[in-house]
Amino acid sequence: MNALAHEFDLAQATMLPTGVAGDNAQAQIAALKARWDALHDAAHAVAQLAQLAREDMDEASASLPERAYSAGGPRLDAVEHGISDLALVMQTGLTALLAATSQGKDASSAALTLWLEFHAGRKAIAALLEPAETSALQ
């Protein structure tokens, strides 16, 4: 079995950006988008290890950074923390998967589990931006 290797690094995705001026909305949105996109790049790598097809990001996921910034306050903070938490899970899991595949082990079932965790985490992060009435009903 050939070991798969990926060149992305989530290290930058686990830290909230610092030194971004509060009035520079585009820079804050861009920083959040970069972290969100890094998570999706990691999910693509995990999908490959799970032998799944690449999943394109839907419009709701693609617009999450802008919607989070627009929500502001506690919702933006919660989304930022959720992204950091999910980045840590993905980085740790992907590192373990790549270590297993480098030893010639089949990690496809573990990769599928991590891929499902990514989807659950992404759904939870998106739910932070739903209206309170909708969230309370589910």
C-alpha atoms as a PDB file:
ATOM      1  CA  MET A   1       0.000   0.000   0.000  1.00  0.00           C
ATOM      2  CA  ASN A   2       1.332   3.419  -0.904  1.00  0.00           C
ATOM      3  CA  ALA A   3       1.351   5.952   1.886  1.00  0.00           C
ATOM      4  CA  LEU A   4      -0.373   9.200   1.083  1.00  0.00           C
ATOM      5  CA  ALA A   5       1.243  12.434   2.120  1.00  0.00           C
ATOM      6  CA  HIS A   6      -0.218  15.919   2.236  1.00  0.00           C
ATOM      7  CA  GLU A   7       1.603  19.208   2.388  1.00  0.00           C
ATOM      8  CA  PHE A   8      -0.926  21.367   4.204  1.00  0.00           C
ATOM      9  CA  ASP A   9      -0.449  22.463   7.776  1.00  0.00           C
ATOM     10  CA  LEU A  10      -3.250  23.481  10.132  1.00  0.00           C
ATOM     11  CA  ALA A  11      -0.834  25.090  12.584  1.00  0.00           C
ATOM     12  CA  GLN A  12      -1.871  28.550  11.420  1.00  0.00           C
ATOM     13  CA  ALA A  13      -5.542  27.574  11.565  1.00  0.00           C
ATOM     14  CA  THR A  14      -5.474  26.830  15.276  1.00  0.00           C
ATOM     15  CA  MET A  15      -4.603  30.349  16.372  1.00  0.00           C
ATOM     16  CA  LEU A  16      -6.891  33.326  16.188  1.00  0.00           C
ATOM     17  CA  PRO A  17      -5.335  36.111  14.136  1.00  0.00           C
ATOM     18  CA  THR A  18      -3.703  38.823  16.195  1.00  0.00           C
ATOM     19  CA  GLY A  19      -2.954  42.405  15.360  1.00  0.00           C
ATOM     20  CA  VAL A  20      -5.952  42.829  13.047  1.00  0.00           C
ATOM     21  CA  ALA A  21      -7.472  46.239  13.586  1.00  0.00           C
ATOM     22  CA  GLY A  22     -11.063  46.128  14.798  1.00  0.00           C
ATOM     23  CA  ASP A  23     -12.219  48.457  12.027  1.00  0.00           C
ATOM     24  CA  ASN A  24     -10.667  46.407   9.237  1.00  0.00           C
ATOM     25  CA  ALA A  25     -13.606  44.132   8.469  1.00  0.00           C
ATOM     26  CA  GLN A  26     -12.162  42.704   5.274  1.00  0.00           C
ATOM     27  CA  ALA A  27      -8.945  41.631   7.010  1.00  0.00           C
ATOM     28  CA  GLN A  28     -10.880  39.963   9.831  1.00  0.00           C
ATOM     29  CA  ILE A  29     -13.164  38.159   7.388  1.00  0.00           C
ATOM     30  CA  ALA A  30     -10.169  37.083   5.276  1.00  0.00           C
ATOM     31  CA  ALA A  31      -8.387  35.665   8.335  1.00  0.00           C
ATOM     32  CA  LEU A  32     -11.470  33.709   9.388  1.00  0.00           C
ATOM     33  CA  LYS A  33     -12.006  32.510   5.815  1.00  0.00           C
ATOM     34  CA  ALA A  34      -8.401  31.298   5.578  1.00  0.00           C
ATOM     35  CA  ARG A  35      -8.858  29.211   8.729  1.00  0.00           C
ATOM     36  CA  TRP A  36     -12.221  27.866   7.493  1.00  0.00           C
ATOM     37  CA  ASP A  37     -10.723  26.965   4.113  1.00  0.00           C
ATOM     38  CA  ALA A  38      -7.786  25.209   5.819  1.00  0.00           C
ATOM     39  CA  LEU A  39     -10.265  23.009   7.659  1.00  0.00           C
ATOM     40  CA  HIS A  40     -11.900  22.063   4.376  1.00  0.00           C
ATOM     41  CA  ASP A  41      -8.492  21.290   2.850  1.00  0.00           C
ATOM     42  CA  ALA A  42      -7.840  18.954   5.774  1.00  0.00           C
ATOM     43  CA  ALA A  43     -11.255  17.355   5.280  1.00  0.00           C
ATOM     44  CA  HIS A  44     -10.378  16.759   1.629  1.00  0.00           C
ATOM     45  CA  ALA A  45      -7.197  14.962   2.669  1.00  0.00           C
ATOM     46  CA  VAL A  46      -9.145  12.870   5.171  1.00  0.00           C
ATOM     47  CA  ALA A  47     -11.719  12.039   2.486  1.00  0.00           C
ATOM     48  CA  GLN A  48      -8.907  10.791   0.247  1.00  0.00           C
ATOM     49  CA  LEU A  49      -7.635   8.570   3.036  1.00  0.00           C
ATOM     50  CA  ALA A  50     -11.201   7.308   3.559  1.00  0.00           C
ATOM     51  CA  GLN A  51     -11.413   6.644  -0.184  1.00  0.00           C
ATOM     52  CA  LEU A  52     -14.244   9.147  -0.649  1.00  0.00           C
ATOM     53  CA  ALA A  53     -14.773  11.618  -3.470  1.00  0.00           C
ATOM     54  CA  ARG A  54     -13.913  15.272  -3.002  1.00  0.00           C
ATOM     55  CA  GLU A  55     -16.786  17.282  -1.603  1.00  0.00           C
ATOM     56  CA  ASP A  56     -17.267  20.801  -2.901  1.00  0.00           C
ATOM     57  CA  MET A  57     -18.139  23.430  -0.331  1.00  0.00           C
ATOM     58  CA  ASP A  58     -21.761  24.553  -0.572  1.00  0.00           C
ATOM     59  CA  GLU A  59     -22.785  28.218  -0.493  1.00  0.00           C
ATOM     60  CA  ALA A  60     -23.833  28.126   3.165  1.00  0.00           C
ATOM     61  CA  SER A  61     -20.414  26.814   4.206  1.00  0.00           C
ATOM     62  CA  ALA A  62     -18.556  29.156   1.888  1.00  0.00           C
ATOM     63  CA  SER A  63     -20.341  32.198   3.309  1.00  0.00           C
ATOM     64  CA  LEU A  64     -19.877  31.204   6.969  1.00  0.00           C
ATOM     65  CA  PRO A  65     -16.971  33.605   7.670  1.00  0.00           C
ATOM     66  CA  GLU A  66     -18.933  36.589   6.355  1.00  0.00           C
ATOM     67  CA  ARG A  67     -22.085  35.561   8.228  1.00  0.00           C
ATOM     68  CA  ALA A  68     -20.116  35.055  11.450  1.00  0.00           C
ATOM     69  CA  TYR A  69     -18.539  38.483  11.146  1.00  0.00           C
ATOM     70  CA  SER A  70     -21.951  40.030  10.481  1.00  0.00           C
ATOM     71  CA  ALA A  71     -23.390  38.299  13.552  1.00  0.00           C
ATOM     72  CA  GLY A  72     -20.540  39.698  15.637  1.00  0.00           C
ATOM     73  CA  GLY A  73     -20.288  39.559  19.407  1.00  0.00           C
ATOM     74  CA  PRO A  74     -20.726  36.232  21.183  1.00  0.00           C
ATOM     75  CA  ARG A  75     -21.724  34.398  18.006  1.00  0.00           C
ATOM     76  CA  LEU A  76     -18.527  35.442  16.212  1.00  0.00           C
ATOM     77  CA  ASP A  77     -16.488  34.448  19.269  1.00  0.00           C
ATOM     78  CA  ALA A  78     -18.227  31.063  19.409  1.00  0.00           C
ATOM     79  CA  VAL A  79     -17.581  30.438  15.694  1.00  0.00           C
ATOM     80  CA  GLU A  80     -13.913  31.379  16.095  1.00  0.00           C
ATOM     81  CA  HIS A  81     -13.558  29.013  19.055  1.00  0.00           C
ATOM     82  CA  GLY A  82     -15.425  26.269  17.191  1.00  0.00           C
ATOM     83  CA  ILE A  83     -13.091  26.594  14.225  1.00  0.00           C
ATOM     84  CA  SER A  84     -10.057  26.456  16.520  1.00  0.00           C
ATOM     85  CA  ASP A  85     -11.408  23.368  18.271  1.00  0.00           C
ATOM     86  CA  LEU A  86     -12.230  21.605  15.009  1.00  0.00           C
ATOM     87  CA  ALA A  87      -8.805  22.522  13.603  1.00  0.00           C
ATOM     88  CA  LEU A  88      -7.161  20.870  16.605  1.00  0.00           C
ATOM     89  CA  VAL A  89      -9.239  17.704  16.123  1.00  0.00           C
ATOM     90  CA  MET A  90      -8.461  17.593  12.403  1.00  0.00           C
ATOM     91  CA  GLN A  91      -4.751  18.268  12.838  1.00  0.00           C
ATOM     92  CA  THR A  92      -4.374  15.618  15.511  1.00  0.00           C
ATOM     93  CA  GLY A  93      -6.454  13.056  13.633  1.00  0.00           C
ATOM     94  CA  LEU A  94      -4.825  13.668  10.289  1.00  0.00           C
ATOM     95  CA  THR A  95      -1.359  13.413  11.818  1.00  0.00           C
ATOM     96  CA  ALA A  96      -2.305  10.010  13.253  1.00  0.00           C
ATOM     97  CA  LEU A  97      -3.805   8.867   9.944  1.00  0.00           C
ATOM     98  CA  LEU A  98      -0.714   9.872   7.993  1.00  0.00           C
ATOM     99  CA  ALA A  99       1.529   8.118  10.531  1.00  0.00           C
ATOM    100  CA  ALA A 100      -0.514   4.934  10.147  1.00  0.00           C
ATOM    101  CA  THR A 101      -0.453   5.048   6.354  1.00  0.00           C
ATOM    102  CA  SER A 102       3.284   5.727   6.342  1.00  0.00           C
ATOM    103  CA  GLN A 103       3.669   2.399   8.163  1.00  0.00           C
ATOM    104  CA  GLY A 104       1.627   0.667   5.472  1.00  0.00           C
ATOM    105  CA  LYS A 105      -1.510   0.313   7.581  1.00  0.00           C
ATOM    106  CA  ASP A 106      -5.015   0.689   6.203  1.00  0.00           C
ATOM    107  CA  ALA A 107      -6.452   3.765   7.867  1.00  0.00           C
ATOM    108  CA  SER A 108      -9.558   4.095   5.711  1.00  0.00           C
ATOM    109  CA  SER A 109     -12.052   3.244   8.474  1.00  0.00           C
ATOM    110  CA  ALA A 110     -10.373   5.625  10.923  1.00  0.00           C
ATOM    111  CA  ALA A 111     -10.321   8.278   8.192  1.00  0.00           C
ATOM    112  CA  LEU A 112     -14.039   7.790   7.623  1.00  0.00           C
ATOM    113  CA  THR A 113     -14.647   8.306  11.339  1.00  0.00           C
ATOM    114  CA  LEU A 114     -12.619  11.533  11.302  1.00  0.00           C
ATOM    115  CA  TRP A 115     -14.432  12.689   8.169  1.00  0.00           C
ATOM    116  CA  LEU A 116     -17.778  12.152   9.944  1.00  0.00           C
ATOM    117  CA  GLU A 117     -16.466  14.076  12.969  1.00  0.00           C
ATOM    118  CA  PHE A 118     -15.515  16.941  10.663  1.00  0.00           C
ATOM    119  CA  HIS A 119     -19.043  17.037   9.275  1.00  0.00           C
ATOM    120  CA  ALA A 120     -20.577  16.987  12.756  1.00  0.00           C
ATOM    121  CA  GLY A 121     -18.247  19.787  13.864  1.00  0.00           C
ATOM    122  CA  ARG A 122     -18.958  21.863  10.772  1.00  0.00           C
ATOM    123  CA  LYS A 123     -22.697  21.446  11.327  1.00  0.00           C
ATOM    124  CA  ALA A 124     -22.336  22.511  14.967  1.00  0.00           C
ATOM    125  CA  ILE A 125     -20.346  25.598  13.984  1.00  0.00           C
ATOM    126  CA  ALA A 126     -22.939  26.553  11.357  1.00  0.00           C
ATOM    127  CA  ALA A 127     -25.716  26.093  13.934  1.00  0.00           C
ATOM    128  CA  LEU A 128     -24.138  28.850  16.025  1.00  0.00           C
ATOM    129  CA  LEU A 129     -25.308  31.310  13.375  1.00  0.00           C
ATOM    130  CA  GLU A 130     -28.891  30.095  13.147  1.00  0.00           C
ATOM    131  CA  PRO A 131     -31.601  32.278  14.613  1.00  0.00           C
ATOM    132  CA  ALA A 132     -32.305  31.476  18.270  1.00  0.00           C
ATOM    133  CA  GLU A 133     -35.896  30.417  17.497  1.00  0.00           C
ATOM    134  CA  THR A 134     -34.746  27.831  14.948  1.00  0.00           C
ATOM    135  CA  SER A 135     -32.019  26.447  17.199  1.00  0.00           C
ATOM    136  CA  ALA A 136     -34.416  26.083  20.124  1.00  0.00           C
ATOM    137  CA  LEU A 137     -36.793  23.974  18.054  1.00  0.00           C
ATOM    138  CA  GLN A 138     -34.235  21.347  17.112  1.00  0.00           C
END
